[in-house]
Amino acid sequence: MSSNIESIWTSSTRSRQTSMIIPDGCRDLIMVESQGNKAHWVISPLFDQSQNFYSNNHVNFVGFRLKPGTKINEQQLINTIKQGNISLDDVPNLIDDFTTRECSIAEALECLANDDVKSVKNASFSLGVNIRTLQRLVFAYTARNPSYWFQLARARKAAKALSTSMSLIDIAHMHDFSDQAHMSREFKRWFNLSPSEMIKRPDVMSQLNNSAYA
C-alpha cells in the first residue's frame, strides 16, 4: 500500500439517504459506482465543518484516504485514471506517483495534535522553528494555518471523549477549553452539532473511530 494512504474504505447505499460527514483532516480519492453507470472518481476537499451528502440508491463507494498533509497533483491523478484501464489494485501505485508528503509536514501535524502541546506557539517551540516558519510550512501543504490543525485535533479528541462517562465540564477541562460553553461553540463550528446532539448521533460518533487526524 502507498505510504501516503491512511486507509482504504468501502461503503454502499441500498436506498436514497443523507449522511453527515465530519471533518477528519484527510482527503480521499473516491470511486463512485452507481447502478447502470460507469464508475467515476472524485477527490474530496479538506472540510472546515461537517457536510451533508445525499446518495441515491444502489451506489458503491471505494475510498483511498490520504494521510493528513498529503499534497496531491489532482488533475493529473484524475486524468490518468480516466484515460487508462485502471483497476483498484493499480490505484495505490498511482497515488505514489501523484502525491507527496514530506517528513517536515508529517512532524508538524503530529506535533499540533499532541496532547502535551497547548498552543500553536508551544508547537513551534517544540519543533524548533518560529511561528512564521511553521505557518508557511503548514499552509504550503494544506492551505490551512496551524491553528486549523490544532483546533481540529482538540475538537475531535473532545468529541471522542463523549463516549466515556466523563461529564461535559470535565471533558472541556481535559482538552483545555476555557469552559463548557467554549467547547460547545467549537463543536458547533466543526461538527454543526452541540455535544449533547452529537452523542445522540451514533452515525457521527462512529466516524471518530476511523483512521484519520487525531
C-alpha atoms as a PDB file:
ATOM      1  CA  MET A   1       0.000   0.000   0.000  1.00  0.00           C
ATOM      2  CA  SER A   2       1.161   3.518  -0.753  1.00  0.00           C
ATOM      3  CA  SER A   3       2.989   5.207   2.108  1.00  0.00           C
ATOM      4  CA  ASN A   4       0.622   8.175   1.672  1.00  0.00           C
ATOM      5  CA  ILE A   5      -2.558   6.131   2.180  1.00  0.00           C
ATOM      6  CA  GLU A   6      -4.033   6.265   5.671  1.00  0.00           C
ATOM      7  CA  SER A   7      -6.676   3.605   4.997  1.00  0.00           C
ATOM      8  CA  ILE A   8      -8.923   2.107   2.331  1.00  0.00           C
ATOM      9  CA  TRP A   9     -12.666   2.016   2.931  1.00  0.00           C
ATOM     10  CA  THR A  10     -15.815   0.836   1.195  1.00  0.00           C
ATOM     11  CA  SER A  11     -19.444   1.831   1.533  1.00  0.00           C
ATOM     12  CA  SER A  12     -22.711   1.029  -0.232  1.00  0.00           C
ATOM     13  CA  THR A  13     -26.182   2.506  -0.239  1.00  0.00           C
ATOM     14  CA  ARG A  14     -29.323   0.487  -0.872  1.00  0.00           C
ATOM     15  CA  SER A  15     -31.717   3.413  -0.696  1.00  0.00           C
ATOM     16  CA  ARG A  16     -31.637   7.171  -1.023  1.00  0.00           C
ATOM     17  CA  GLN A  17     -30.114   8.624   2.104  1.00  0.00           C
ATOM     18  CA  THR A  18     -28.473  11.632   3.665  1.00  0.00           C
ATOM     19  CA  SER A  19     -25.196  11.250   5.556  1.00  0.00           C
ATOM     20  CA  MET A  20     -23.314  13.744   7.684  1.00  0.00           C
ATOM     21  CA  ILE A  21     -19.549  13.627   7.224  1.00  0.00           C
ATOM     22  CA  ILE A  22     -17.473  15.325   9.919  1.00  0.00           C
ATOM     23  CA  PRO A  23     -14.018  16.914   9.381  1.00  0.00           C
ATOM     24  CA  ASP A  24     -11.211  14.416   9.832  1.00  0.00           C
ATOM     25  CA  GLY A  25      -8.165  16.237   8.444  1.00  0.00           C
ATOM     26  CA  CYS A  26      -7.876  13.877   5.483  1.00  0.00           C
ATOM     27  CA  ARG A  27      -8.681  13.980   1.802  1.00  0.00           C
ATOM     28  CA  ASP A  28      -9.962  10.945  -0.060  1.00  0.00           C
ATOM     29  CA  LEU A  29      -9.683   9.656  -3.593  1.00  0.00           C
ATOM     30  CA  ILE A  30     -13.097   8.066  -4.114  1.00  0.00           C
ATOM     31  CA  MET A  31     -14.520   5.772  -6.774  1.00  0.00           C
ATOM     32  CA  VAL A  32     -18.279   6.226  -7.129  1.00  0.00           C
ATOM     33  CA  GLU A  33     -20.144   3.460  -8.964  1.00  0.00           C
ATOM     34  CA  SER A  34     -23.906   3.676  -9.436  1.00  0.00           C
ATOM     35  CA  GLN A  35     -26.183   1.092 -10.988  1.00  0.00           C
ATOM     36  CA  GLY A  36     -26.095   1.252 -14.778  1.00  0.00           C
ATOM     37  CA  ASN A  37     -23.423   3.961 -14.892  1.00  0.00           C
ATOM     38  CA  LYS A  38     -19.685   3.929 -15.438  1.00  0.00           C
ATOM     39  CA  ALA A  39     -17.628   4.461 -12.299  1.00  0.00           C
ATOM     40  CA  HIS A  40     -16.211   7.934 -11.805  1.00  0.00           C
ATOM     41  CA  TRP A  41     -13.564   9.299  -9.470  1.00  0.00           C
ATOM     42  CA  VAL A  42     -13.502  12.368  -7.231  1.00  0.00           C
ATOM     43  CA  ILE A  43     -11.110  13.850  -4.693  1.00  0.00           C
ATOM     44  CA  SER A  44     -12.730  15.179  -1.557  1.00  0.00           C
ATOM     45  CA  PRO A  45     -11.789  18.614  -0.206  1.00  0.00           C
ATOM     46  CA  LEU A  46     -10.377  19.278   3.235  1.00  0.00           C
ATOM     47  CA  PHE A  47     -13.503  20.035   5.229  1.00  0.00           C
ATOM     48  CA  ASP A  48     -13.759  23.011   7.555  1.00  0.00           C
ATOM     49  CA  GLN A  49     -17.053  21.804   9.050  1.00  0.00           C
ATOM     50  CA  SER A  50     -19.478  18.910   8.747  1.00  0.00           C
ATOM     51  CA  GLN A  51     -21.183  18.394   5.402  1.00  0.00           C
ATOM     52  CA  ASN A  52     -24.402  16.619   4.449  1.00  0.00           C
ATOM     53  CA  PHE A  53     -24.165  14.274   1.474  1.00  0.00           C
ATOM     54  CA  TYR A  54     -27.100  12.903  -0.467  1.00  0.00           C
ATOM     55  CA  SER A  55     -26.788   9.478  -2.099  1.00  0.00           C
ATOM     56  CA  ASN A  56     -29.078   7.668  -4.499  1.00  0.00           C
ATOM     57  CA  ASN A  57     -29.945   4.027  -4.091  1.00  0.00           C
ATOM     58  CA  HIS A  58     -27.533   1.282  -5.153  1.00  0.00           C
ATOM     59  CA  VAL A  59     -24.324   3.308  -5.120  1.00  0.00           C
ATOM     60  CA  ASN A  60     -20.979   1.748  -4.220  1.00  0.00           C
ATOM     61  CA  PHE A  61     -18.003   3.726  -2.957  1.00  0.00           C
ATOM     62  CA  VAL A  62     -14.340   2.775  -2.596  1.00  0.00           C
ATOM     63  CA  GLY A  63     -12.221   5.382  -0.853  1.00  0.00           C
ATOM     64  CA  PHE A  64      -8.462   5.770  -0.523  1.00  0.00           C
ATOM     65  CA  ARG A  65      -7.987   8.029   2.494  1.00  0.00           C
ATOM     66  CA  LEU A  66      -4.765  10.003   2.267  1.00  0.00           C
ATOM     67  CA  LYS A  67      -2.683  10.899   5.281  1.00  0.00           C
ATOM     68  CA  PRO A  68      -3.062  14.430   6.662  1.00  0.00           C
ATOM     69  CA  GLY A  69      -0.748  16.857   4.897  1.00  0.00           C
ATOM     70  CA  THR A  70      -0.543  14.869   1.654  1.00  0.00           C
ATOM     71  CA  LYS A  71      -0.099  17.135  -1.352  1.00  0.00           C
ATOM     72  CA  ILE A  72      -1.997  15.909  -4.426  1.00  0.00           C
ATOM     73  CA  ASN A  73      -1.456  16.568  -8.104  1.00  0.00           C
ATOM     74  CA  GLU A  74      -5.220  16.350  -8.505  1.00  0.00           C
ATOM     75  CA  GLN A  75      -5.767  16.942 -12.203  1.00  0.00           C
ATOM     76  CA  GLN A  76      -3.050  14.582 -13.376  1.00  0.00           C
ATOM     77  CA  LEU A  77      -4.172  11.848 -10.974  1.00  0.00           C
ATOM     78  CA  ILE A  78      -7.812  12.017 -12.099  1.00  0.00           C
ATOM     79  CA  ASN A  79      -6.866  12.300 -15.780  1.00  0.00           C
ATOM     80  CA  THR A  80      -4.570   9.277 -15.564  1.00  0.00           C
ATOM     81  CA  ILE A  81      -7.348   7.204 -14.015  1.00  0.00           C
ATOM     82  CA  LYS A  82      -9.841   8.350 -16.660  1.00  0.00           C
ATOM     83  CA  GLN A  83      -7.514   7.743 -19.605  1.00  0.00           C
ATOM     84  CA  GLY A  84      -6.201   4.343 -18.580  1.00  0.00           C
ATOM     85  CA  ASN A  85      -7.759   0.964 -17.916  1.00  0.00           C
ATOM     86  CA  ILE A  86      -7.086   1.291 -14.198  1.00  0.00           C
ATOM     87  CA  SER A  87      -8.047  -1.395 -11.698  1.00  0.00           C
ATOM     88  CA  LEU A  88      -8.444  -0.783  -7.975  1.00  0.00           C
ATOM     89  CA  ASP A  89      -5.206  -2.695  -7.419  1.00  0.00           C
ATOM     90  CA  ASP A  90      -3.369  -0.114  -9.557  1.00  0.00           C
ATOM     91  CA  VAL A  91      -4.581   2.891  -7.551  1.00  0.00           C
ATOM     92  CA  PRO A  92      -2.031   2.756  -4.684  1.00  0.00           C
ATOM     93  CA  ASN A  93       0.826   2.955  -7.195  1.00  0.00           C
ATOM     94  CA  LEU A  94      -0.833   5.914  -8.919  1.00  0.00           C
ATOM     95  CA  ILE A  95      -1.228   7.636  -5.585  1.00  0.00           C
ATOM     96  CA  ASP A  96       2.511   7.219  -5.043  1.00  0.00           C
ATOM     97  CA  ASP A  97       3.134   8.815  -8.445  1.00  0.00           C
ATOM     98  CA  PHE A  98       0.894  11.860  -7.915  1.00  0.00           C
ATOM     99  CA  THR A  99       1.179  12.669  -4.210  1.00  0.00           C
ATOM    100  CA  THR A 100       3.897  13.832  -1.831  1.00  0.00           C
ATOM    101  CA  ARG A 101       4.089  14.065   1.940  1.00  0.00           C
ATOM    102  CA  GLU A 102       7.322  15.407   3.353  1.00  0.00           C
ATOM    103  CA  CYS A 103       8.616  14.413   6.769  1.00  0.00           C
ATOM    104  CA  SER A 104       8.503  18.067   7.838  1.00  0.00           C
ATOM    105  CA  ILE A 105       4.722  18.390   7.387  1.00  0.00           C
ATOM    106  CA  ALA A 106       4.083  14.998   8.960  1.00  0.00           C
ATOM    107  CA  GLU A 107       6.120  16.027  12.021  1.00  0.00           C
ATOM    108  CA  ALA A 108       4.408  19.418  12.243  1.00  0.00           C
ATOM    109  CA  LEU A 109       0.876  18.000  12.123  1.00  0.00           C
ATOM    110  CA  GLU A 110       1.746  15.284  14.633  1.00  0.00           C
ATOM    111  CA  CYS A 111       3.106  17.926  16.985  1.00  0.00           C
ATOM    112  CA  LEU A 112      -0.003  20.127  16.636  1.00  0.00           C
ATOM    113  CA  ALA A 113      -2.176  17.147  17.600  1.00  0.00           C
ATOM    114  CA  ASN A 114      -0.054  16.180  20.598  1.00  0.00           C
ATOM    115  CA  ASP A 115      -1.883  16.288  23.947  1.00  0.00           C
ATOM    116  CA  ASP A 116       1.108  17.956  25.597  1.00  0.00           C
ATOM    117  CA  VAL A 117       1.094  20.883  23.144  1.00  0.00           C
ATOM    118  CA  LYS A 118      -1.276  23.518  24.467  1.00  0.00           C
ATOM    119  CA  SER A 119      -0.924  26.126  21.711  1.00  0.00           C
ATOM    120  CA  VAL A 120       0.486  26.772  18.254  1.00  0.00           C
ATOM    121  CA  LYS A 121       3.254  28.799  19.899  1.00  0.00           C
ATOM    122  CA  ASN A 122       4.247  25.807  22.018  1.00  0.00           C
ATOM    123  CA  ALA A 123       4.194  23.609  18.926  1.00  0.00           C
ATOM    124  CA  SER A 124       6.595  25.911  17.086  1.00  0.00           C
ATOM    125  CA  PHE A 125       8.910  25.893  20.121  1.00  0.00           C
ATOM    126  CA  SER A 126       8.778  22.092  20.294  1.00  0.00           C
ATOM    127  CA  LEU A 127       9.581  21.825  16.597  1.00  0.00           C
ATOM    128  CA  GLY A 128      12.457  24.292  16.927  1.00  0.00           C
ATOM    129  CA  VAL A 129      11.091  26.807  14.410  1.00  0.00           C
ATOM    130  CA  ASN A 130       9.470  30.211  14.716  1.00  0.00           C
ATOM    131  CA  ILE A 131       5.721  30.619  14.232  1.00  0.00           C
ATOM    132  CA  ARG A 132       6.080  32.222  10.789  1.00  0.00           C
ATOM    133  CA  THR A 133       8.138  29.264   9.529  1.00  0.00           C
ATOM    134  CA  LEU A 134       5.554  26.830  10.897  1.00  0.00           C
ATOM    135  CA  GLN A 135       2.741  28.799   9.281  1.00  0.00           C
ATOM    136  CA  ARG A 136       4.460  28.814   5.883  1.00  0.00           C
ATOM    137  CA  LEU A 137       5.169  25.090   6.013  1.00  0.00           C
ATOM    138  CA  VAL A 138       1.672  24.030   7.066  1.00  0.00           C
ATOM    139  CA  PHE A 139      -0.087  26.375   4.658  1.00  0.00           C
ATOM    140  CA  ALA A 140       2.079  25.280   1.733  1.00  0.00           C
ATOM    141  CA  TYR A 141       0.973  21.669   2.132  1.00  0.00           C
ATOM    142  CA  THR A 142      -2.588  22.027   3.403  1.00  0.00           C
ATOM    143  CA  ALA A 143      -3.845  25.538   2.504  1.00  0.00           C
ATOM    144  CA  ARG A 144      -4.736  25.840   6.189  1.00  0.00           C
ATOM    145  CA  ASN A 145      -2.981  27.550   9.088  1.00  0.00           C
ATOM    146  CA  PRO A 146      -1.514  25.693  12.085  1.00  0.00           C
ATOM    147  CA  SER A 147      -4.434  26.924  14.208  1.00  0.00           C
ATOM    148  CA  TYR A 148      -6.803  24.941  11.981  1.00  0.00           C
ATOM    149  CA  TRP A 149      -4.981  21.708  12.766  1.00  0.00           C
ATOM    150  CA  PHE A 150      -4.529  22.473  16.451  1.00  0.00           C
ATOM    151  CA  GLN A 151      -8.216  23.280  16.927  1.00  0.00           C
ATOM    152  CA  LEU A 152      -9.442  20.380  14.785  1.00  0.00           C
ATOM    153  CA  ALA A 153      -7.371  17.900  16.794  1.00  0.00           C
ATOM    154  CA  ARG A 154      -8.689  19.313  20.075  1.00  0.00           C
ATOM    155  CA  ALA A 155     -12.308  19.182  18.908  1.00  0.00           C
ATOM    156  CA  ARG A 156     -12.014  15.609  17.607  1.00  0.00           C
ATOM    157  CA  LYS A 157     -10.353  14.362  20.802  1.00  0.00           C
ATOM    158  CA  ALA A 158     -13.016  16.028  22.927  1.00  0.00           C
ATOM    159  CA  ALA A 159     -15.727  14.500  20.730  1.00  0.00           C
ATOM    160  CA  LYS A 160     -14.248  11.035  21.236  1.00  0.00           C
ATOM    161  CA  ALA A 161     -14.449  11.571  24.997  1.00  0.00           C
ATOM    162  CA  LEU A 162     -18.233  11.958  24.738  1.00  0.00           C
ATOM    163  CA  SER A 163     -18.490   8.174  24.588  1.00  0.00           C
ATOM    164  CA  THR A 164     -16.941   7.891  28.066  1.00  0.00           C
ATOM    165  CA  SER A 165     -18.568   8.509  31.440  1.00  0.00           C
ATOM    166  CA  MET A 166     -16.873  11.905  31.820  1.00  0.00           C
ATOM    167  CA  SER A 167     -19.034  14.987  32.303  1.00  0.00           C
ATOM    168  CA  LEU A 168     -19.010  17.744  29.688  1.00  0.00           C
ATOM    169  CA  ILE A 169     -17.315  20.059  32.178  1.00  0.00           C
ATOM    170  CA  ASP A 170     -14.520  17.542  32.743  1.00  0.00           C
ATOM    171  CA  ILE A 171     -14.101  16.928  29.004  1.00  0.00           C
ATOM    172  CA  ALA A 172     -13.826  20.674  28.398  1.00  0.00           C
ATOM    173  CA  HIS A 173     -11.227  20.991  31.156  1.00  0.00           C
ATOM    174  CA  MET A 174      -9.217  17.973  29.980  1.00  0.00           C
ATOM    175  CA  HIS A 175      -8.934  19.362  26.453  1.00  0.00           C
ATOM    176  CA  ASP A 176      -8.070  22.909  27.505  1.00  0.00           C
ATOM    177  CA  PHE A 177     -11.244  24.703  26.526  1.00  0.00           C
ATOM    178  CA  SER A 178     -11.813  27.772  28.672  1.00  0.00           C
ATOM    179  CA  ASP A 179     -15.164  26.359  29.800  1.00  0.00           C
ATOM    180  CA  GLN A 180     -18.019  24.114  28.683  1.00  0.00           C
ATOM    181  CA  ALA A 181     -19.597  26.911  26.632  1.00  0.00           C
ATOM    182  CA  HIS A 182     -16.340  27.359  24.715  1.00  0.00           C
ATOM    183  CA  MET A 183     -16.266  23.653  23.900  1.00  0.00           C
ATOM    184  CA  SER A 184     -19.893  23.751  22.739  1.00  0.00           C
ATOM    185  CA  ARG A 185     -19.109  26.643  20.393  1.00  0.00           C
ATOM    186  CA  GLU A 186     -16.197  24.724  18.910  1.00  0.00           C
ATOM    187  CA  PHE A 187     -18.386  21.647  18.409  1.00  0.00           C
ATOM    188  CA  LYS A 188     -20.956  23.779  16.589  1.00  0.00           C
ATOM    189  CA  ARG A 189     -18.197  25.282  14.475  1.00  0.00           C
ATOM    190  CA  TRP A 190     -16.626  21.979  13.412  1.00  0.00           C
ATOM    191  CA  PHE A 191     -19.488  19.486  13.597  1.00  0.00           C
ATOM    192  CA  ASN A 192     -22.658  21.610  13.298  1.00  0.00           C
ATOM    193  CA  LEU A 193     -23.809  19.803  16.430  1.00  0.00           C
ATOM    194  CA  SER A 194     -23.678  20.573  20.141  1.00  0.00           C
ATOM    195  CA  PRO A 195     -22.042  17.950  22.393  1.00  0.00           C
ATOM    196  CA  SER A 196     -25.460  16.749  23.574  1.00  0.00           C
ATOM    197  CA  GLU A 197     -26.693  16.488  19.972  1.00  0.00           C
ATOM    198  CA  MET A 198     -23.560  14.704  18.843  1.00  0.00           C
ATOM    199  CA  ILE A 199     -23.727  11.957  21.458  1.00  0.00           C
ATOM    200  CA  LYS A 200     -27.204  11.090  20.145  1.00  0.00           C
ATOM    201  CA  ARG A 201     -25.835  10.520  16.640  1.00  0.00           C
ATOM    202  CA  PRO A 202     -24.136   7.092  16.540  1.00  0.00           C
ATOM    203  CA  ASP A 203     -23.613   7.532  12.785  1.00  0.00           C
ATOM    204  CA  VAL A 204     -21.498  10.600  13.522  1.00  0.00           C
ATOM    205  CA  MET A 205     -19.765   9.257  16.616  1.00  0.00           C
ATOM    206  CA  SER A 206     -18.681   6.117  14.768  1.00  0.00           C
ATOM    207  CA  GLN A 207     -16.659   8.248  12.316  1.00  0.00           C
ATOM    208  CA  LEU A 208     -14.370   9.278  15.154  1.00  0.00           C
ATOM    209  CA  ASN A 209     -13.075   5.698  15.263  1.00  0.00           C
ATOM    210  CA  ASN A 210     -11.957   5.809  11.632  1.00  0.00           C
ATOM    211  CA  SER A 211      -8.284   6.205  10.859  1.00  0.00           C
ATOM    212  CA  ALA A 212      -7.791   9.960  10.463  1.00  0.00           C
ATOM    213  CA  TYR A 213      -6.211  13.013  12.084  1.00  0.00           C
ATOM    214  CA  ALA A 214      -6.176  12.958  15.899  1.00  0.00           C
END
